[in-house]
Amino acid sequence: MSSLTIVFAYALDLILGDPQGFPHPVRLMGKLISALERLFRKVGSSPIWLRCAGVLL
């Protein structure tokens, strides 16, 4: 990839940006992880269970 391509892609990203109504994948993953963490903490609170839940996450 040439330097010109990188500069052009960066400029295009600055001009266009991200769509307003489009959810970012990192935010979606964060919401999923938070929901699963709440679920796992409701199921049990033993150290072994929490370690297993952490591995699953």
N, C-alpha and C. Protein backbone atom coordinates (compact mmCIF):
# COMPACT_ATOMS: atom_id res chain seq x y z
N MET A 1 0.86 -1.17 0.00
CA MET A 1 0.00 0.00 0.00
C MET A 1 0.91 1.23 0.00
N SER A 2 0.65 2.12 -0.91
CA SER A 2 1.49 3.30 -1.03
C SER A 2 1.08 4.38 -0.03
N SER A 3 1.97 5.30 0.18
CA SER A 3 1.69 6.42 1.09
C SER A 3 0.54 7.27 0.58
N LEU A 4 0.46 7.41 -0.73
CA LEU A 4 -0.63 8.19 -1.32
C LEU A 4 -1.99 7.56 -1.02
N THR A 5 -2.05 6.25 -1.07
CA THR A 5 -3.30 5.55 -0.77
C THR A 5 -3.72 5.78 0.68
N ILE A 6 -2.76 5.71 1.58
CA ILE A 6 -3.05 5.93 3.01
C ILE A 6 -3.53 7.35 3.25
N VAL A 7 -2.87 8.32 2.64
CA VAL A 7 -3.27 9.72 2.81
C VAL A 7 -4.66 9.95 2.22
N PHE A 8 -4.93 9.38 1.07
CA PHE A 8 -6.24 9.52 0.44
C PHE A 8 -7.33 8.89 1.31
N ALA A 9 -7.07 7.70 1.83
CA ALA A 9 -8.06 7.02 2.69
C ALA A 9 -8.31 7.82 3.96
N TYR A 10 -7.26 8.38 4.54
CA TYR A 10 -7.40 9.19 5.76
C TYR A 10 -8.23 10.45 5.47
N ALA A 11 -7.94 11.11 4.37
CA ALA A 11 -8.68 12.32 4.00
C ALA A 11 -10.15 11.99 3.74
N LEU A 12 -10.39 10.89 3.06
CA LEU A 12 -11.77 10.48 2.79
C LEU A 12 -12.52 10.18 4.08
N ASP A 13 -11.83 9.54 5.04
CA ASP A 13 -12.46 9.26 6.33
C ASP A 13 -12.77 10.55 7.08
N LEU A 14 -11.89 11.52 7.02
CA LEU A 14 -12.14 12.81 7.68
C LEU A 14 -13.33 13.53 7.05
N ILE A 15 -13.44 13.46 5.75
CA ILE A 15 -14.52 14.17 5.05
C ILE A 15 -15.87 13.48 5.27
N LEU A 16 -15.91 12.17 5.08
CA LEU A 16 -17.18 11.44 5.16
C LEU A 16 -17.55 11.04 6.58
N GLY A 17 -16.57 10.63 7.36
CA GLY A 17 -16.85 10.20 8.73
C GLY A 17 -17.68 8.92 8.77
N ASP A 18 -18.24 8.63 9.94
CA ASP A 18 -19.09 7.46 10.12
C ASP A 18 -20.55 7.86 9.96
N PRO A 19 -21.36 6.99 9.40
CA PRO A 19 -22.80 7.28 9.30
C PRO A 19 -23.41 7.47 10.69
N GLN A 20 -24.32 8.41 10.83
CA GLN A 20 -24.90 8.74 12.14
C GLN A 20 -25.71 7.60 12.74
N GLY A 21 -26.52 6.94 11.96
CA GLY A 21 -27.39 5.91 12.50
C GLY A 21 -26.77 4.53 12.52
N PHE A 22 -25.51 4.41 12.14
CA PHE A 22 -24.86 3.10 12.03
C PHE A 22 -24.17 2.76 13.35
N PRO A 23 -24.58 1.66 14.01
CA PRO A 23 -23.95 1.31 15.28
C PRO A 23 -22.53 0.77 15.07
N HIS A 24 -21.62 1.19 15.92
CA HIS A 24 -20.23 0.76 15.81
C HIS A 24 -20.09 -0.65 16.37
N PRO A 25 -19.36 -1.54 15.72
CA PRO A 25 -19.23 -2.92 16.19
C PRO A 25 -18.68 -3.05 17.61
N VAL A 26 -17.78 -2.16 18.00
CA VAL A 26 -17.22 -2.23 19.35
C VAL A 26 -18.29 -1.95 20.39
N ARG A 27 -19.18 -1.01 20.12
CA ARG A 27 -20.28 -0.73 21.06
C ARG A 27 -21.22 -1.92 21.16
N LEU A 28 -21.49 -2.57 20.03
CA LEU A 28 -22.35 -3.76 20.05
C LEU A 28 -21.72 -4.88 20.86
N MET A 29 -20.42 -5.09 20.69
CA MET A 29 -19.73 -6.13 21.47
C MET A 29 -19.76 -5.79 22.95
N GLY A 30 -19.58 -4.52 23.29
CA GLY A 30 -19.63 -4.10 24.69
C GLY A 30 -20.98 -4.36 25.32
N LYS A 31 -22.04 -4.08 24.58
CA LYS A 31 -23.39 -4.33 25.10
C LYS A 31 -23.63 -5.82 25.30
N LEU A 32 -23.17 -6.64 24.36
CA LEU A 32 -23.32 -8.08 24.48
C LEU A 32 -22.54 -8.62 25.68
N ILE A 33 -21.32 -8.16 25.86
CA ILE A 33 -20.51 -8.61 26.99
C ILE A 33 -21.14 -8.19 28.30
N SER A 34 -21.66 -6.97 28.39
CA SER A 34 -22.31 -6.51 29.62
C SER A 34 -23.54 -7.34 29.95
N ALA A 35 -24.33 -7.66 28.93
CA ALA A 35 -25.53 -8.47 29.15
C ALA A 35 -25.16 -9.87 29.62
N LEU A 36 -24.15 -10.47 29.00
CA LEU A 36 -23.72 -11.80 29.41
C LEU A 36 -23.12 -11.79 30.81
N GLU A 37 -22.38 -10.74 31.14
CA GLU A 37 -21.81 -10.64 32.49
C GLU A 37 -22.91 -10.58 33.54
N ARG A 38 -23.95 -9.77 33.30
CA ARG A 38 -25.07 -9.71 34.24
C ARG A 38 -25.73 -11.08 34.39
N LEU A 39 -25.92 -11.77 33.28
CA LEU A 39 -26.53 -13.10 33.31
C LEU A 39 -25.67 -14.07 34.11
N PHE A 40 -24.38 -14.09 33.85
CA PHE A 40 -23.48 -15.01 34.55
C PHE A 40 -23.43 -14.71 36.04
N ARG A 41 -23.48 -13.44 36.43
CA ARG A 41 -23.44 -13.11 37.85
C ARG A 41 -24.74 -13.50 38.56
N LYS A 42 -25.86 -13.53 37.82
CA LYS A 42 -27.12 -13.99 38.41
C LYS A 42 -27.10 -15.50 38.65
N VAL A 43 -26.42 -16.22 37.78
CA VAL A 43 -26.39 -17.69 37.87
C VAL A 43 -25.60 -18.14 39.09
N GLY A 44 -24.48 -17.52 39.37
CA GLY A 44 -23.68 -17.95 40.51
C GLY A 44 -22.62 -16.93 40.88
N SER A 45 -22.07 -17.10 42.09
CA SER A 45 -21.06 -16.14 42.54
C SER A 45 -19.83 -16.83 43.11
N SER A 46 -19.73 -18.14 42.96
CA SER A 46 -18.54 -18.84 43.47
C SER A 46 -17.33 -18.46 42.61
N PRO A 47 -16.16 -18.46 43.21
CA PRO A 47 -14.96 -18.10 42.43
C PRO A 47 -14.74 -18.99 41.21
N ILE A 48 -15.05 -20.28 41.35
CA ILE A 48 -14.86 -21.19 40.21
C ILE A 48 -15.83 -20.83 39.08
N TRP A 49 -17.09 -20.56 39.43
CA TRP A 49 -18.08 -20.19 38.41
C TRP A 49 -17.70 -18.88 37.73
N LEU A 50 -17.26 -17.90 38.51
CA LEU A 50 -16.89 -16.61 37.93
C LEU A 50 -15.69 -16.76 37.00
N ARG A 51 -14.76 -17.64 37.35
CA ARG A 51 -13.61 -17.87 36.48
C ARG A 51 -14.06 -18.51 35.17
N CYS A 52 -14.95 -19.50 35.26
CA CYS A 52 -15.48 -20.14 34.05
C CYS A 52 -16.25 -19.13 33.19
N ALA A 53 -17.03 -18.28 33.84
CA ALA A 53 -17.77 -17.25 33.11
C ALA A 53 -16.81 -16.30 32.40
N GLY A 54 -15.72 -15.96 33.08
CA GLY A 54 -14.72 -15.09 32.46
C GLY A 54 -14.08 -15.73 31.24
N VAL A 55 -13.85 -17.03 31.31
CA VAL A 55 -13.30 -17.74 30.15
C VAL A 55 -14.31 -17.72 29.00
N LEU A 56 -15.58 -17.92 29.32
CA LEU A 56 -16.61 -17.90 28.28
C LEU A 56 -16.73 -16.53 27.62
N LEU A 57 -16.57 -15.48 28.41
CA LEU A 57 -16.66 -14.14 27.84
C LEU A 57 -15.45 -13.88 26.97
